[in-house]
Amino acid sequence: MAHMSASFSAILRLRLADRPGAFAEVATAIGDAGALLGAIDLVRVEPGHKVRDVTILAADEEHMERVADAVRGVADVEVEAVSDRTFLAHLGGKIEVVSRIPLKTRDDLSMAYTPGVARVSSAIAADPEAIWNLTVKRNMVAVISDGTAVLGLGDIGPGGALPVMEGKAVLFKEFGGVDAFPLCLDTKDVDEIVLVCQAVAPVFRGLNLEDISAPRCFEVERRLRETLDIPVFHDDQHGTAIVALAALVNALKLVGKRLEDLRIVVTGVGAAGVAVTKILLAAGARDVVGCDSKGAIHREREGLNEVKREYAELTNPRGVRGSADEALEGADVFIGVSQPRAVSAEAVGRMADRAIVFAMANPTPEVLPEEIEGRVEIIATGRSDYPNQINNVLAFPGIFRGALDVRASEINEPMKIAAATAIAETIDPMELTADYIVPSVFDRTVAPAVAAAVARAAEDTGVARRRRSVASAS
């Protein structure tokens, strides 16, 4: 059975004959079309008719249309409108700017704007550090993208990226209490992206880079980290890596293995794959083999770009060659951040005993959980309809909250590992099971725990410019 999702749900406005059994026929048509029936609301009553809004959940857009057509085929039923609920949620965008102070009197206006604001501006000009407390910089992050690697959609441009960046801003506020604003840039030029980010940096306390394609994303982040004194964090890289490490830490508790003893295979040597590998190595892993579409990355392979040459120097100590399927022979862990069918179920079956598989490609994993169930010990994906969803929202709100609280100048590797550890420790060891190695994205204890751990790590590594206790009190 296809998976029904609220992301493909619609409201059908129906005008039905007011007779016994009319709605039962509609419900039957919806069920026969393979959809789920949701809310049923009475809109109005007319002579001989009733108008109802009926919510359905479908598997995809084409399925939604089939359901609507099935209802149109019911006698004495008129489909007045079909409204896609996801599009309705996006009307006018998902965020807005709201004043934090009232503007009801002349006094209010004179303090918020002219002439009173001139005194505040002069104070910041005289003491630049005052900007941290007297402007939105105190709690504001920019979510920046060029729209070249959006979700599974690829290069869809800055306009297409904007709804995603708005969504990211919503998640920042909801889970971390961080104000965020989307900036989608109409350029793919690395120099121009860096220049724009540097130019807007005075407004923001941190920059969250998002959906910028590899290998340009590595250069953009590197140059911004070198030139700015605020945190710069490419979430596609580091958010994925942090949550994957957290999941692996808990998975290892269940299978009784140590990180330093593992043989790990990673498919996908782009932004996420490189970051996942680096955080695993920083946490103690010794044997990681990365694979792209041409097979294992190794030092003697010809035609590698600069990123993959650097990757080869860090990984594959045994000099493994061949396809990803071949590299999986005897491996303890598979981590997929690549594309559907990157590995086969048969190859997964040849992994070591009590193997761990994180197949995180979206919407279709590298290998389907149904195909390998019973062959491995633990399975995780990037999807919400399977257990163990590895979702970046577990990481970035708390990471930025902690970094902002101590005015960190950067987000370094110890802060990332601290975040992963905090996510893992959110689950009591007594509650760990093969289907529960990462907390729910709605677990409200996660972000505060991550924030505290990240702030402590920032203080311990000397990148904090104030202590968290002071920040919490101010």
Protein backbone atom coordinates (compact mmCIF):
# COMPACT_ATOMS: atom_id res chain seq x y z
CA MET A 1 0.00 0.00 0.00
CA ALA A 2 1.29 3.46 -0.92
CA HIS A 3 2.12 5.79 1.97
CA MET A 4 -0.52 8.48 2.53
CA SER A 5 0.85 11.83 3.64
CA ALA A 6 -0.45 15.20 4.75
CA SER A 7 1.98 16.69 2.23
CA PHE A 8 -0.37 15.32 -0.46
CA SER A 9 -3.68 16.17 1.13
CA ALA A 10 -6.56 18.14 -0.32
CA ILE A 11 -9.88 19.64 0.69
CA LEU A 12 -12.71 18.74 -1.68
CA ARG A 13 -15.65 21.12 -1.54
CA LEU A 14 -18.64 18.98 -2.44
CA ARG A 15 -22.25 19.86 -3.17
CA LEU A 16 -24.27 16.74 -2.37
CA ALA A 17 -27.94 15.93 -2.84
CA ASP A 18 -29.63 15.92 0.57
CA ARG A 19 -30.68 12.28 0.52
CA PRO A 20 -29.85 9.22 2.64
CA GLY A 21 -26.62 7.48 1.60
CA ALA A 22 -25.25 10.32 -0.50
CA PHE A 23 -22.17 10.85 1.60
CA ALA A 24 -21.66 7.11 2.06
CA GLU A 25 -21.26 6.86 -1.71
CA VAL A 26 -18.64 9.62 -1.61
CA ALA A 27 -16.74 7.88 1.19
CA THR A 28 -16.82 4.61 -0.75
CA ALA A 29 -15.45 6.33 -3.87
CA ILE A 30 -12.59 7.85 -1.85
CA GLY A 31 -11.75 4.50 -0.26
CA ASP A 32 -11.95 2.64 -3.58
CA ALA A 33 -9.51 5.19 -5.05
CA GLY A 34 -7.01 4.25 -2.35
CA ALA A 35 -7.08 7.47 -0.31
CA LEU A 36 -7.73 8.13 3.36
CA LEU A 37 -10.74 10.14 4.48
CA GLY A 38 -10.02 12.89 6.99
CA ALA A 39 -12.09 15.75 8.39
CA ILE A 40 -15.66 16.29 7.20
CA ASP A 41 -17.03 19.80 7.70
CA LEU A 42 -20.46 21.21 6.91
CA VAL A 43 -20.09 24.50 4.99
CA ARG A 44 -23.73 25.42 4.30
CA VAL A 45 -27.18 23.97 3.78
CA GLU A 46 -29.17 24.73 0.64
CA PRO A 47 -32.64 23.63 -0.42
CA GLY A 48 -32.20 19.99 -1.42
CA HIS A 49 -28.40 20.07 -1.02
CA LYS A 50 -25.60 20.22 1.54
CA VAL A 51 -22.14 21.62 0.89
CA ARG A 52 -19.30 19.91 2.73
CA ASP A 53 -15.52 20.24 2.88
CA VAL A 54 -13.94 16.80 2.86
CA THR A 55 -10.24 16.30 3.60
CA ILE A 56 -8.38 13.44 1.91
CA LEU A 57 -4.83 12.12 2.24
CA ALA A 58 -3.19 10.75 -0.89
CA ALA A 59 0.17 9.34 -1.94
CA ASP A 60 1.14 11.96 -4.54
CA GLU A 61 -0.29 14.72 -6.73
CA GLU A 62 -1.50 12.34 -9.44
CA HIS A 63 -3.26 10.27 -6.79
CA MET A 64 -5.03 13.38 -5.50
CA GLU A 65 -6.41 14.02 -8.98
CA ARG A 66 -7.58 10.41 -9.32
CA VAL A 67 -9.47 10.69 -6.05
CA ALA A 68 -11.15 13.93 -7.14
CA ASP A 69 -12.13 12.30 -10.44
CA ALA A 70 -13.58 9.32 -8.58
CA VAL A 71 -15.74 11.62 -6.48
CA ARG A 72 -16.88 13.48 -9.60
CA GLY A 73 -18.22 10.16 -10.83
CA VAL A 74 -20.64 9.81 -7.91
CA ALA A 75 -24.24 10.55 -8.78
CA ASP A 76 -25.75 13.78 -7.41
CA VAL A 77 -22.34 15.12 -6.31
CA GLU A 78 -20.71 18.26 -7.65
CA VAL A 79 -17.03 18.95 -6.88
CA GLU A 80 -17.01 22.73 -6.50
CA ALA A 81 -13.29 23.03 -5.72
CA VAL A 82 -10.16 21.01 -4.98
CA SER A 83 -7.75 22.83 -2.67
CA ASP A 84 -4.25 21.47 -2.06
CA ARG A 85 -3.68 21.90 1.68
CA THR A 86 0.09 22.22 1.32
CA PHE A 87 -0.32 25.11 -1.12
CA LEU A 88 -2.91 26.70 1.17
CA ALA A 89 -0.37 26.60 4.00
CA HIS A 90 2.07 28.55 1.82
CA LEU A 91 -0.25 31.37 0.75
CA GLY A 92 1.56 34.60 1.54
CA GLY A 93 4.58 32.68 2.79
CA LYS A 94 5.13 31.00 6.15
CA ILE A 95 6.80 33.80 8.10
CA GLU A 96 6.16 37.45 8.91
CA VAL A 97 7.89 40.32 10.71
CA VAL A 98 6.13 41.36 13.92
CA SER A 99 7.04 44.32 16.11
CA ARG A 100 8.26 43.49 19.61
CA ILE A 101 7.14 46.84 21.01
CA PRO A 102 3.78 48.67 20.88
CA LEU A 103 3.21 51.69 18.66
CA LYS A 104 0.08 53.25 20.15
CA THR A 105 1.13 56.74 21.19
CA ARG A 106 3.42 59.56 20.12
CA ASP A 107 5.76 58.57 22.93
CA ASP A 108 5.99 55.03 21.57
CA LEU A 109 6.83 56.37 18.11
CA SER A 110 9.42 58.83 19.37
CA MET A 111 11.31 56.02 21.16
CA ALA A 112 11.00 53.37 18.46
CA TYR A 113 11.86 55.71 15.63
CA THR A 114 12.76 59.37 15.32
CA PRO A 115 14.04 61.20 17.29
CA GLY A 116 14.84 58.63 19.99
CA VAL A 117 16.38 56.00 17.71
CA ALA A 118 19.19 58.42 16.82
CA ARG A 119 20.55 58.10 20.36
CA VAL A 120 20.69 54.30 20.01
CA SER A 121 22.37 54.53 16.61
CA SER A 122 24.95 56.94 18.03
CA ALA A 123 25.59 54.58 20.93
CA ILE A 124 26.32 51.71 18.53
CA ALA A 125 28.56 53.92 16.39
CA ALA A 126 30.53 54.84 19.52
CA ASP A 127 30.60 51.27 20.85
CA PRO A 128 30.18 48.65 18.07
CA GLU A 129 29.73 45.90 20.66
CA ALA A 130 26.40 47.47 21.62
CA ILE A 131 24.88 46.14 18.39
CA TRP A 132 24.72 42.69 19.98
CA ASN A 133 22.15 43.84 22.53
CA LEU A 134 20.40 46.80 20.90
CA THR A 135 19.38 45.30 17.53
CA VAL A 136 17.98 42.13 15.97
CA LYS A 137 21.57 40.88 15.73
CA ARG A 138 21.13 39.61 19.29
CA ASN A 139 19.04 36.66 18.09
CA MET A 140 18.95 36.71 14.28
CA VAL A 141 20.32 34.13 11.84
CA ALA A 142 20.32 34.33 8.04
CA VAL A 143 19.27 31.24 6.10
CA ILE A 144 21.17 31.58 2.83
CA SER A 145 20.82 29.57 -0.37
CA ASP A 146 21.44 29.88 -4.10
CA GLY A 147 18.83 27.23 -4.88
CA THR A 148 21.25 24.83 -6.58
CA ALA A 149 20.68 21.71 -4.45
CA VAL A 150 17.18 21.99 -3.02
CA LEU A 151 15.86 18.85 -1.32
CA GLY A 152 15.71 16.17 -4.00
CA LEU A 153 14.76 18.73 -6.65
CA GLY A 154 18.25 19.87 -7.62
CA ASP A 155 18.97 23.27 -9.16
CA ILE A 156 15.59 25.03 -9.09
CA GLY A 157 16.85 28.55 -8.52
CA PRO A 158 16.43 31.09 -5.70
CA GLY A 159 12.68 31.49 -6.17
CA GLY A 160 12.08 27.77 -5.92
CA ALA A 161 14.33 27.60 -2.87
CA LEU A 162 12.49 30.33 -0.96
CA PRO A 163 9.66 28.17 0.47
CA VAL A 164 12.28 25.77 1.85
CA MET A 165 14.28 28.56 3.46
CA GLU A 166 11.08 30.00 4.95
CA GLY A 167 10.39 26.58 6.41
CA LYS A 168 13.87 26.51 7.89
CA ALA A 169 13.20 29.88 9.53
CA VAL A 170 10.00 28.47 11.05
CA LEU A 171 11.92 25.50 12.50
CA PHE A 172 14.61 27.78 13.95
CA LYS A 173 11.98 29.76 15.85
CA GLU A 174 9.79 26.84 16.87
CA PHE A 175 12.51 24.56 18.19
CA GLY A 176 15.36 26.90 19.14
CA GLY A 177 13.73 30.27 19.83
CA VAL A 178 16.07 31.70 17.17
CA ASP A 179 14.82 34.40 14.80
CA ALA A 180 15.79 33.61 11.21
CA PHE A 181 15.29 35.23 7.84
CA PRO A 182 15.65 33.66 4.38
CA LEU A 183 18.03 35.16 1.83
CA CYS A 184 17.90 33.41 -1.56
CA LEU A 185 20.62 34.68 -3.87
CA ASP A 186 20.30 35.02 -7.63
CA THR A 187 23.86 33.96 -8.33
CA LYS A 188 25.88 30.74 -8.48
CA ASP A 189 29.22 32.51 -8.44
CA VAL A 190 31.23 31.64 -5.34
CA ASP A 191 32.86 35.08 -5.16
CA GLU A 192 29.49 36.82 -5.36
CA ILE A 193 27.88 34.55 -2.74
CA VAL A 194 30.77 35.18 -0.35
CA LEU A 195 30.66 38.92 -0.99
CA VAL A 196 26.91 39.13 -0.33
CA CYS A 197 27.22 37.12 2.89
CA GLN A 198 30.07 39.31 4.09
CA ALA A 199 28.07 42.44 3.27
CA VAL A 200 24.96 41.39 5.23
CA ALA A 201 26.85 39.85 8.16
CA PRO A 202 26.54 42.95 10.41
CA VAL A 203 22.79 42.27 10.73
CA PHE A 204 23.10 38.65 11.77
CA ARG A 205 24.51 36.65 14.66
CA GLY A 206 25.05 33.61 12.47
CA LEU A 207 24.77 32.34 8.91
CA ASN A 208 23.07 29.04 8.06
CA LEU A 209 24.03 27.99 4.54
CA GLU A 210 21.50 25.74 2.88
CA ASP A 211 21.07 23.80 -0.37
CA ILE A 212 24.22 25.06 -2.09
CA SER A 213 25.59 22.39 -4.40
CA ALA A 214 28.96 20.69 -3.97
CA PRO A 215 31.79 21.34 -4.42
CA ARG A 216 31.04 25.11 -4.33
CA CYS A 217 29.50 24.81 -0.87
CA PHE A 218 32.86 23.77 0.60
CA GLU A 219 34.60 26.86 -0.78
CA VAL A 220 31.78 29.21 0.27
CA GLU A 221 31.78 27.94 3.84
CA ARG A 222 35.58 27.88 4.13
CA ARG A 223 35.98 31.46 2.98
CA LEU A 224 33.17 32.78 5.16
CA ARG A 225 34.52 30.99 8.23
CA GLU A 226 37.93 32.53 7.57
CA THR A 227 36.64 36.09 7.16
CA LEU A 228 33.66 36.40 9.54
CA ASP A 229 33.59 36.42 13.33
CA ILE A 230 30.12 34.82 13.58
CA PRO A 231 29.12 31.15 13.22
CA VAL A 232 28.84 29.89 9.64
CA PHE A 233 27.19 26.49 9.35
CA HIS A 234 26.27 24.56 6.20
CA ASP A 235 23.43 22.43 7.50
CA ASP A 236 23.36 19.99 4.58
CA GLN A 237 26.86 19.01 5.62
CA HIS A 238 27.08 19.32 9.34
CA GLY A 239 23.47 18.92 10.48
CA THR A 240 23.24 15.61 8.66
CA ALA A 241 26.60 14.51 10.05
CA ILE A 242 25.71 15.41 13.64
CA VAL A 243 22.42 13.53 13.68
CA ALA A 244 23.97 10.55 11.89
CA LEU A 245 26.70 10.38 14.53
CA ALA A 246 24.11 10.61 17.32
CA ALA A 247 22.15 7.74 15.79
CA LEU A 248 25.29 5.67 15.37
CA VAL A 249 26.38 6.26 18.98
CA ASN A 250 23.09 4.82 20.19
CA ALA A 251 23.06 2.02 17.62
CA LEU A 252 26.48 0.88 18.81
CA LYS A 253 25.17 0.57 22.36
CA LEU A 254 22.67 -1.98 21.08
CA VAL A 255 25.00 -4.03 18.88
CA GLY A 256 27.90 -4.00 21.32
CA LYS A 257 30.52 -2.58 18.97
CA ARG A 258 33.03 0.28 19.28
CA LEU A 259 33.38 3.12 16.80
CA GLU A 260 37.13 2.65 16.47
CA ASP A 261 36.67 -1.01 15.49
CA LEU A 262 34.08 -0.48 12.77
CA ARG A 263 34.35 -0.91 9.04
CA ILE A 264 32.14 1.86 7.64
CA VAL A 265 31.02 2.36 4.04
CA VAL A 266 29.59 5.72 2.93
CA THR A 267 27.90 6.25 -0.44
CA GLY A 268 27.84 9.83 -1.65
CA VAL A 269 30.96 11.99 -1.42
CA GLY A 270 29.21 15.31 -1.74
CA ALA A 271 28.45 17.85 0.96
CA ALA A 272 26.78 15.47 3.40
CA GLY A 273 29.06 12.51 2.72
CA VAL A 274 32.24 14.47 3.32
CA ALA A 275 30.89 15.98 6.54
CA VAL A 276 29.60 12.64 7.83
CA THR A 277 33.00 11.09 7.21
CA LYS A 278 34.90 13.90 8.90
CA ILE A 279 32.77 13.86 12.03
CA LEU A 280 33.07 10.07 12.26
CA LEU A 281 36.85 10.32 12.02
CA ALA A 282 36.91 13.13 14.60
CA ALA A 283 34.82 10.97 16.94
CA GLY A 284 37.24 8.04 16.68
CA ALA A 285 36.40 6.01 13.58
CA ARG A 286 39.45 4.60 11.77
CA ASP A 287 38.17 2.68 8.77
CA VAL A 288 35.80 4.62 6.49
CA VAL A 289 35.45 3.86 2.78
CA GLY A 290 33.62 6.43 0.68
CA CYS A 291 32.02 5.49 -2.64
CA ASP A 292 30.68 7.55 -5.50
CA SER A 293 28.97 6.38 -8.69
CA LYS A 294 32.31 5.00 -9.94
CA GLY A 295 33.05 3.01 -6.80
CA ALA A 296 35.39 3.29 -3.84
CA ILE A 297 37.50 6.42 -3.39
CA HIS A 298 41.16 5.52 -2.94
CA ARG A 299 44.48 7.33 -3.24
CA GLU A 300 45.50 5.80 -6.58
CA ARG A 301 42.20 6.38 -8.38
CA GLU A 302 42.57 8.71 -11.34
CA GLY A 303 40.33 11.62 -12.21
CA LEU A 304 39.47 12.70 -8.66
CA ASN A 305 38.61 16.36 -8.11
CA GLU A 306 40.23 18.34 -5.31
CA VAL A 307 37.54 17.46 -2.75
CA LYS A 308 37.77 13.75 -3.50
CA ARG A 309 41.58 13.79 -3.51
CA GLU A 310 41.49 15.25 -0.01
CA TYR A 311 38.86 12.67 0.94
CA ALA A 312 41.07 9.84 -0.33
CA GLU A 313 43.92 11.01 1.91
CA LEU A 314 41.68 10.85 4.99
CA THR A 315 39.95 7.52 4.33
CA ASN A 316 40.17 3.94 3.06
CA PRO A 317 43.26 2.77 4.98
CA ARG A 318 42.93 -0.77 3.51
CA GLY A 319 42.90 0.52 -0.05
CA VAL A 320 39.50 -1.00 -0.84
CA ARG A 321 38.58 -0.88 -4.53
CA GLY A 322 35.53 -1.78 -6.56
CA SER A 323 31.84 -0.92 -6.37
CA ALA A 324 29.88 0.11 -3.29
CA ASP A 325 28.34 -3.37 -3.25
CA GLU A 326 31.80 -4.90 -3.17
CA ALA A 327 32.96 -2.52 -0.44
CA LEU A 328 30.06 -3.65 1.78
CA GLU A 329 31.49 -7.16 2.12
CA GLY A 330 32.05 -7.60 5.88
CA ALA A 331 31.28 -3.96 6.72
CA ASP A 332 29.71 -3.13 10.07
CA VAL A 333 27.98 0.10 9.04
CA PHE A 334 26.52 1.48 5.81
CA ILE A 335 25.69 5.19 5.63
CA GLY A 336 23.96 6.37 2.48
CA VAL A 337 23.76 10.05 1.56
CA SER A 338 23.53 9.51 -2.17
CA GLN A 339 20.68 8.25 -4.35
CA PRO A 340 18.12 5.45 -4.64
CA ARG A 341 19.51 1.97 -5.33
CA ALA A 342 23.07 3.00 -4.57
CA VAL A 343 23.54 -0.46 -3.02
CA SER A 344 21.69 -3.74 -3.38
CA ALA A 345 19.86 -5.73 -0.75
CA GLU A 346 22.07 -8.70 -1.62
CA ALA A 347 25.21 -6.71 -0.84
CA VAL A 348 23.73 -5.52 2.45
CA GLY A 349 23.13 -9.16 3.29
CA ARG A 350 26.89 -9.78 3.03
CA MET A 351 27.71 -7.21 5.73
CA ALA A 352 29.05 -8.26 9.13
CA ASP A 353 26.85 -9.71 11.86
CA ARG A 354 24.65 -7.19 13.66
CA ALA A 355 25.13 -4.67 10.86
CA ILE A 356 23.80 -1.10 10.91
CA VAL A 357 22.27 0.58 7.84
CA PHE A 358 21.50 4.29 7.56
CA ALA A 359 19.92 4.75 4.12
CA MET A 360 19.18 8.48 4.11
CA ALA A 361 18.43 9.37 0.48
CA ASN A 362 15.06 11.13 0.18
CA PRO A 363 12.41 10.35 -0.80
CA THR A 364 13.67 6.90 -1.90
CA PRO A 365 16.43 5.38 0.28
CA GLU A 366 19.58 3.77 -1.12
CA VAL A 367 18.04 0.43 -0.20
CA LEU A 368 14.46 -0.05 0.95
CA PRO A 369 14.02 -1.11 4.58
CA GLU A 370 11.52 -3.79 3.50
CA GLU A 371 14.21 -5.43 1.36
CA ILE A 372 16.75 -5.80 4.16
CA GLU A 373 14.53 -6.40 7.18
CA GLY A 374 15.92 -9.36 9.11
CA ARG A 375 19.29 -9.11 7.37
CA VAL A 376 20.66 -6.30 9.54
CA GLU A 377 20.28 -5.30 13.16
CA ILE A 378 19.32 -1.62 12.84
CA ILE A 379 17.88 0.45 10.00
CA ALA A 380 17.48 4.23 9.84
CA THR A 381 16.36 6.50 7.00
CA GLY A 382 15.72 10.17 6.32
CA ARG A 383 11.96 9.60 6.08
CA SER A 384 9.32 10.20 8.72
CA ASP A 385 7.26 7.13 7.76
CA TYR A 386 9.94 4.67 8.92
CA PRO A 387 11.42 4.31 12.41
CA ASN A 388 14.66 6.13 13.22
CA GLN A 389 14.35 9.24 11.07
CA ILE A 390 17.69 11.02 10.83
CA ASN A 391 16.43 14.59 10.63
CA ASN A 392 18.56 17.75 10.79
CA VAL A 393 15.92 19.54 12.85
CA LEU A 394 17.25 17.60 15.83
CA ALA A 395 20.52 19.51 15.46
CA PHE A 396 20.53 22.99 13.96
CA PRO A 397 18.04 24.83 16.27
CA GLY A 398 19.89 23.77 19.41
CA ILE A 399 23.31 24.27 17.86
CA PHE A 400 22.59 27.87 16.93
CA ARG A 401 20.80 28.49 20.23
CA GLY A 402 23.90 27.40 22.13
CA ALA A 403 26.29 29.28 19.85
CA LEU A 404 24.25 32.48 20.06
CA ASP A 405 23.90 32.25 23.83
CA VAL A 406 27.68 32.50 24.27
CA ARG A 407 28.31 34.72 21.23
CA ALA A 408 30.49 32.02 19.71
CA SER A 409 32.74 33.15 16.87
CA GLU A 410 32.39 29.82 15.10
CA ILE A 411 30.88 26.33 15.29
CA ASN A 412 33.86 24.01 15.56
CA GLU A 413 34.27 20.24 15.53
CA PRO A 414 34.09 19.78 19.33
CA MET A 415 30.81 21.73 19.35
CA LYS A 416 29.41 19.43 16.64
CA ILE A 417 30.45 16.30 18.51
CA ALA A 418 28.98 17.74 21.71
CA ALA A 419 25.70 18.27 19.86
CA ALA A 420 25.69 14.68 18.60
CA THR A 421 26.38 13.36 22.09
CA ALA A 422 23.58 15.46 23.55
CA ILE A 423 21.10 14.19 20.94
CA ALA A 424 22.10 10.60 21.64
CA GLU A 425 21.84 11.03 25.40
CA THR A 426 18.31 12.37 25.12
CA ILE A 427 17.21 8.74 24.97
CA ASP A 428 17.60 6.80 28.21
CA PRO A 429 19.79 3.72 27.58
CA MET A 430 17.03 1.57 29.08
CA GLU A 431 14.65 2.82 26.36
CA LEU A 432 16.91 2.15 23.39
CA THR A 433 15.61 -0.35 20.86
CA ALA A 434 16.40 -1.15 17.24
CA ASP A 435 13.45 1.06 16.25
CA TYR A 436 14.32 3.90 18.63
CA ILE A 437 17.89 5.16 18.37
CA VAL A 438 17.10 8.82 17.64
CA PRO A 439 14.59 11.00 19.49
CA SER A 440 11.46 12.36 17.87
CA VAL A 441 11.78 15.72 16.15
CA PHE A 442 8.98 16.86 18.48
CA ASP A 443 10.90 15.93 21.64
CA ARG A 444 11.16 19.37 23.26
CA THR A 445 14.05 18.29 25.49
CA VAL A 446 16.42 17.91 22.54
CA ALA A 447 17.12 21.53 21.55
CA PRO A 448 17.81 22.77 25.12
CA ALA A 449 20.13 19.81 25.73
CA VAL A 450 21.98 20.45 22.48
CA ALA A 451 22.21 24.18 23.22
CA ALA A 452 23.72 23.59 26.65
CA ALA A 453 26.25 21.08 25.31
CA VAL A 454 27.26 23.32 22.40
CA ALA A 455 27.66 26.35 24.69
CA ARG A 456 29.88 24.37 27.07
CA ALA A 457 32.01 23.13 24.18
CA ALA A 458 32.34 26.67 22.85
CA GLU A 459 33.53 27.84 26.26
CA ASP A 460 35.93 24.91 26.59
CA THR A 461 37.47 25.54 23.17
CA GLY A 462 37.82 29.31 23.61
CA VAL A 463 35.40 30.48 20.91
CA ALA A 464 32.77 31.83 23.33
CA ARG A 465 32.75 35.57 23.95
CA ARG A 466 30.52 35.36 27.01
CA ARG A 467 29.48 32.68 29.43
CA ARG A 468 26.11 31.04 29.00
CA SER A 469 25.01 31.86 32.55
CA VAL A 470 25.49 35.55 31.75
CA ALA A 471 23.65 35.18 28.46
CA SER A 472 20.71 33.42 30.10
CA ALA A 473 20.36 36.15 32.66
CA SER A 474 20.44 39.00 30.11
